[in-house]
Amino acid sequence: MIITGASSGIGEATARLLAQQGAKVVLGARREDKLKRRIADDIGKGGGQAAYQVLDVTKPTDSEAIVRLAKERFGRVDVVFLNAGIMPTSPVSALKTDEWNQAVDINIKGVLNGVAAIMPDFIAQKSGQIIATSSVAGIKAYPGSAIYGGTKWFLRNFMEALRMESAMEGTNIRTATIYPAAISTELLNGITDPAAAEGMKKLYDTYAIPPDRIARVVSFAIDAPEDTTINEFTVGPSKQPW
């Protein structure tokens, strides 16, 4: 299994849980020190199997390289969890255009690069599963999240079309899109607009639940029978009125 955005938050929690359950995990993220020292080494010490590679999802060659690594280390790939993302929250009027472009590059193109890298193998195998992290901002609009939410809305359409095309083409590729609400991750660290950062911090301080809650959802999606696709999961704190 390949996991992007694996150096913290949902990606890290998923890697640890699935490795405990016996999965062979290949971790990708930009921060090599966290991948190796904090996660891959820990998984190995606990008896699990993990490989890692520095990954910038905006570069197609990086996604292709991590697929090659997974096949070299473990023979084949059965699941890809496209989890890397950023959350640059701000009003449109703030005109943070550099952040807009970065969000498109990571949240949209990063997923496309991951899918393009693994699809030839999944088509040849006539099996595989693609899981992607969207957001509740990908199913309803929130002030301050026009750009971020737009990138996550894209995932909803893309993953649903991919599911339907796979069924029509007989490639047996399962898909699952996860729409988390307030989850304790490092996403808030990337918000540069002061007012937006303060508002999101208050919201997360009030409601956020640990990222292992999403890891359990990923495990559930993978464990579904091969002839069954559970294509969407909306998950968040029971007390949050998202």
Protein backbone atom coordinates (compact mmCIF):
# COMPACT_ATOMS: atom_id res chain seq x y z
CA MET A 1 0.00 0.00 0.00
CA ILE A 2 1.26 3.47 -0.94
CA ILE A 3 0.37 6.44 1.30
CA THR A 4 1.08 10.05 0.33
CA GLY A 5 1.22 12.82 2.90
CA ALA A 6 2.51 10.12 5.24
CA SER A 7 4.80 12.18 7.48
CA SER A 8 2.07 13.35 9.88
CA GLY A 9 -1.63 13.47 10.63
CA ILE A 10 -3.97 11.15 8.76
CA GLY A 11 -1.23 9.66 6.61
CA GLU A 12 0.98 8.78 9.56
CA ALA A 13 -1.91 7.37 11.59
CA THR A 14 -3.02 5.24 8.65
CA ALA A 15 0.49 3.92 8.05
CA ARG A 16 0.88 2.90 11.68
CA LEU A 17 -2.53 1.25 11.95
CA LEU A 18 -2.35 -0.70 8.71
CA ALA A 19 1.20 -1.84 9.40
CA GLN A 20 -0.02 -3.19 12.74
CA GLN A 21 -2.71 -5.05 10.81
CA GLY A 22 -0.12 -6.66 8.57
CA ALA A 23 -0.09 -4.36 5.54
CA LYS A 24 3.16 -3.62 3.73
CA VAL A 25 3.24 0.17 3.56
CA VAL A 26 5.23 2.52 1.37
CA LEU A 27 5.33 6.06 2.75
CA GLY A 28 5.72 9.21 0.69
CA ALA A 29 6.08 12.82 1.81
CA ARG A 30 8.50 15.74 1.51
CA ARG A 31 10.01 15.41 5.00
CA GLU A 32 12.46 12.53 4.92
CA ASP A 33 13.48 12.81 8.56
CA LYS A 34 9.93 12.26 9.80
CA LEU A 35 9.29 9.45 7.34
CA LYS A 36 12.34 7.53 8.45
CA ARG A 37 13.01 8.32 12.08
CA ARG A 38 9.48 8.77 13.38
CA ILE A 39 7.45 6.37 11.30
CA ALA A 40 9.25 3.80 9.13
CA ASP A 41 11.76 2.93 11.87
CA ASP A 42 8.99 2.66 14.47
CA ILE A 43 6.97 0.38 12.22
CA GLY A 44 10.02 -1.83 11.67
CA LYS A 45 10.77 -2.03 15.38
CA GLY A 46 7.20 -3.10 15.96
CA GLY A 47 7.51 -5.98 13.54
CA GLY A 48 5.83 -4.27 10.60
CA GLN A 49 7.06 -3.75 7.06
CA ALA A 50 7.57 -0.23 5.74
CA ALA A 51 9.54 1.53 3.02
CA TYR A 52 9.67 5.24 2.39
CA GLN A 53 10.66 7.74 -0.26
CA VAL A 54 10.77 11.53 -0.43
CA LEU A 55 7.76 12.51 -2.51
CA ASP A 56 6.60 15.80 -3.98
CA VAL A 57 3.17 14.98 -5.37
CA THR A 58 3.33 17.93 -7.76
CA LYS A 59 6.05 16.10 -9.71
CA PRO A 60 4.77 13.21 -11.86
CA THR A 61 8.20 11.57 -11.79
CA ASP A 62 8.07 11.36 -7.98
CA SER A 63 4.75 9.51 -8.10
CA GLU A 64 6.11 7.15 -10.74
CA ALA A 65 9.21 6.52 -8.61
CA ILE A 66 7.27 5.58 -5.48
CA VAL A 67 5.21 3.08 -7.46
CA ARG A 68 8.46 1.53 -8.71
CA LEU A 69 9.81 1.39 -5.17
CA ALA A 70 6.67 -0.35 -3.90
CA LYS A 71 6.89 -2.98 -6.61
CA GLU A 72 10.61 -3.52 -6.07
CA ARG A 73 10.19 -3.94 -2.30
CA PHE A 74 6.88 -5.77 -2.10
CA GLY A 75 6.13 -7.17 -5.56
CA ARG A 76 2.94 -5.30 -6.39
CA VAL A 77 0.62 -2.52 -5.28
CA ASP A 78 -2.96 -3.19 -4.24
CA VAL A 79 -3.97 0.12 -2.62
CA VAL A 80 -2.98 3.76 -3.06
CA PHE A 81 -4.08 6.31 -0.44
CA LEU A 82 -3.76 9.78 -2.00
CA ASN A 83 -3.80 11.83 1.16
CA ALA A 84 -1.34 14.71 0.62
CA GLY A 85 -2.99 18.12 0.77
CA ILE A 86 -2.93 21.69 2.07
CA MET A 87 -5.68 23.93 3.46
CA PRO A 88 -4.93 27.59 2.61
CA THR A 89 -8.00 29.18 4.18
CA SER A 90 -8.69 32.86 3.45
CA PRO A 91 -11.38 35.04 1.86
CA VAL A 92 -11.16 35.40 -1.92
CA SER A 93 -10.74 39.16 -1.43
CA ALA A 94 -7.37 38.52 0.24
CA LEU A 95 -6.11 37.53 -3.23
CA LYS A 96 -3.54 35.03 -2.02
CA THR A 97 -3.03 33.84 -5.58
CA ASP A 98 0.24 32.02 -4.89
CA GLU A 99 -1.61 29.89 -2.35
CA TRP A 100 -4.44 29.30 -4.81
CA ASN A 101 -2.00 27.89 -7.33
CA GLN A 102 -0.24 25.80 -4.72
CA ALA A 103 -3.56 24.31 -3.61
CA VAL A 104 -4.41 23.37 -7.18
CA ASP A 105 -0.96 21.86 -7.71
CA ILE A 106 -1.05 19.73 -4.54
CA ASN A 107 -4.73 18.98 -3.94
CA ILE A 108 -5.72 18.39 -7.57
CA LYS A 109 -2.63 17.73 -9.67
CA GLY A 110 -1.06 15.72 -6.88
CA VAL A 111 -3.97 13.30 -6.96
CA LEU A 112 -3.93 13.15 -10.75
CA ASN A 113 -0.22 12.38 -10.72
CA GLY A 114 -0.76 9.56 -8.25
CA VAL A 115 -3.59 8.06 -10.27
CA ALA A 116 -1.64 8.33 -13.51
CA ALA A 117 1.34 6.56 -11.93
CA ILE A 118 -0.63 3.57 -10.63
CA MET A 119 -3.35 3.12 -13.26
CA PRO A 120 -1.26 1.06 -15.72
CA ASP A 121 -0.57 -1.50 -12.99
CA PHE A 122 -4.16 -1.61 -11.76
CA ILE A 123 -5.45 -1.99 -15.32
CA ALA A 124 -2.99 -4.80 -16.01
CA GLN A 125 -3.88 -6.53 -12.72
CA LYS A 126 -7.59 -5.88 -13.21
CA SER A 127 -7.69 -5.00 -9.53
CA GLY A 128 -6.65 -2.26 -7.11
CA GLN A 129 -8.06 0.41 -4.86
CA ILE A 130 -7.63 4.19 -4.95
CA ILE A 131 -8.54 6.11 -1.79
CA ALA A 132 -8.42 9.91 -1.64
CA THR A 133 -8.77 12.45 1.15
CA SER A 134 -11.22 15.23 0.34
CA SER A 135 -12.94 17.33 3.04
CA VAL A 136 -16.38 18.33 4.25
CA ALA A 137 -15.47 21.51 2.33
CA GLY A 138 -15.69 19.27 -0.72
CA ILE A 139 -19.41 18.63 -0.23
CA LYS A 140 -20.64 22.02 1.03
CA ALA A 141 -19.42 25.62 0.80
CA TYR A 142 -17.81 27.47 3.68
CA PRO A 143 -16.74 31.15 3.76
CA GLY A 144 -12.97 31.34 3.58
CA SER A 145 -12.71 27.99 1.81
CA ALA A 146 -13.58 28.93 -1.76
CA ILE A 147 -10.26 27.79 -3.16
CA TYR A 148 -9.57 24.91 -0.79
CA GLY A 149 -13.15 23.70 -1.08
CA GLY A 150 -12.99 23.99 -4.85
CA THR A 151 -10.02 21.65 -4.99
CA LYS A 152 -11.84 19.17 -2.78
CA TRP A 153 -15.04 19.41 -4.84
CA PHE A 154 -12.93 18.39 -7.81
CA LEU A 155 -11.99 15.17 -6.01
CA ARG A 156 -15.62 14.26 -5.51
CA ASN A 157 -16.39 14.43 -9.22
CA PHE A 158 -13.12 12.86 -10.32
CA MET A 159 -13.30 9.89 -7.97
CA GLU A 160 -16.94 9.19 -8.80
CA ALA A 161 -16.26 9.27 -12.54
CA LEU A 162 -13.24 7.01 -12.01
CA ARG A 163 -15.39 4.51 -10.14
CA MET A 164 -17.99 4.44 -12.90
CA GLU A 165 -15.41 4.14 -15.68
CA SER A 166 -13.72 1.23 -13.92
CA ALA A 167 -17.03 -0.59 -13.65
CA MET A 168 -17.75 0.03 -17.33
CA GLU A 169 -14.26 -1.06 -18.41
CA GLY A 170 -14.17 -4.16 -16.20
CA THR A 171 -10.90 -3.24 -14.50
CA ASN A 172 -12.27 -3.86 -10.98
CA ILE A 173 -10.63 -0.75 -9.52
CA ARG A 174 -12.34 0.21 -6.29
CA THR A 175 -12.47 3.82 -5.13
CA ALA A 176 -13.19 5.54 -1.82
CA THR A 177 -13.31 9.26 -1.09
CA ILE A 178 -13.12 10.43 2.51
CA TYR A 179 -14.60 13.77 3.61
CA PRO A 180 -13.17 14.59 7.06
CA ALA A 181 -14.47 17.40 9.25
CA ALA A 182 -12.26 18.69 12.12
CA ILE A 183 -9.36 16.27 12.52
CA SER A 184 -6.20 17.09 14.51
CA THR A 185 -3.51 17.43 11.82
CA GLU A 186 -0.91 19.96 10.72
CA LEU A 187 -3.21 21.54 8.12
CA LEU A 188 -3.80 24.61 10.27
CA ASN A 189 -0.09 25.42 10.22
CA GLY A 190 -0.34 26.44 6.58
CA ILE A 191 -3.01 29.11 7.04
CA THR A 192 -1.35 32.52 6.57
CA ASP A 193 -4.41 34.75 6.87
CA PRO A 194 -4.49 35.87 10.56
CA ALA A 195 -8.26 36.06 10.95
CA ALA A 196 -8.82 32.76 9.18
CA ALA A 197 -6.09 31.08 11.23
CA GLU A 198 -7.61 32.30 14.49
CA GLY A 199 -11.09 31.16 13.52
CA MET A 200 -9.97 27.73 12.41
CA LYS A 201 -7.87 27.26 15.55
CA LYS A 202 -10.88 27.99 17.74
CA LEU A 203 -12.99 25.56 15.75
CA TYR A 204 -10.41 22.78 15.92
CA ASP A 205 -9.66 23.41 19.60
CA THR A 206 -13.36 22.93 20.27
CA TYR A 207 -14.16 19.95 18.08
CA ALA A 208 -11.16 18.13 16.59
CA ILE A 209 -10.73 14.39 16.99
CA PRO A 210 -7.50 12.38 16.46
CA PRO A 211 -6.40 11.32 12.96
CA ASP A 212 -6.54 7.63 13.85
CA ARG A 213 -10.32 7.95 13.46
CA ILE A 214 -9.78 8.40 9.73
CA ALA A 215 -7.19 5.62 9.67
CA ARG A 216 -9.90 3.26 10.89
CA VAL A 217 -12.14 4.33 8.01
CA VAL A 218 -9.35 3.62 5.52
CA SER A 219 -8.90 0.16 7.05
CA PHE A 220 -12.65 -0.47 6.82
CA ALA A 221 -12.73 0.55 3.15
CA ILE A 222 -9.83 -1.76 2.31
CA ASP A 223 -11.36 -4.69 4.19
CA ALA A 224 -14.60 -4.61 2.20
CA PRO A 225 -14.99 -7.63 -0.11
CA GLU A 226 -13.29 -7.33 -3.49
CA ASP A 227 -16.66 -7.17 -5.24
CA THR A 228 -17.81 -4.26 -3.07
CA THR A 229 -16.99 -0.55 -3.36
CA ILE A 230 -17.83 1.89 -0.57
CA ASN A 231 -17.23 5.06 -2.49
CA GLU A 232 -17.79 7.85 0.07
CA PHE A 233 -17.23 8.40 3.79
CA THR A 234 -18.11 11.64 5.59
CA VAL A 235 -16.41 11.55 8.98
CA GLY A 236 -16.08 14.03 11.81
CA PRO A 237 -16.55 14.73 15.50
CA SER A 238 -19.96 13.72 16.83
CA LYS A 239 -20.28 17.13 18.54
CA GLN A 240 -19.34 19.24 15.51
CA PRO A 241 -22.30 20.64 13.52
CA TRP A 242 -20.39 20.65 10.26
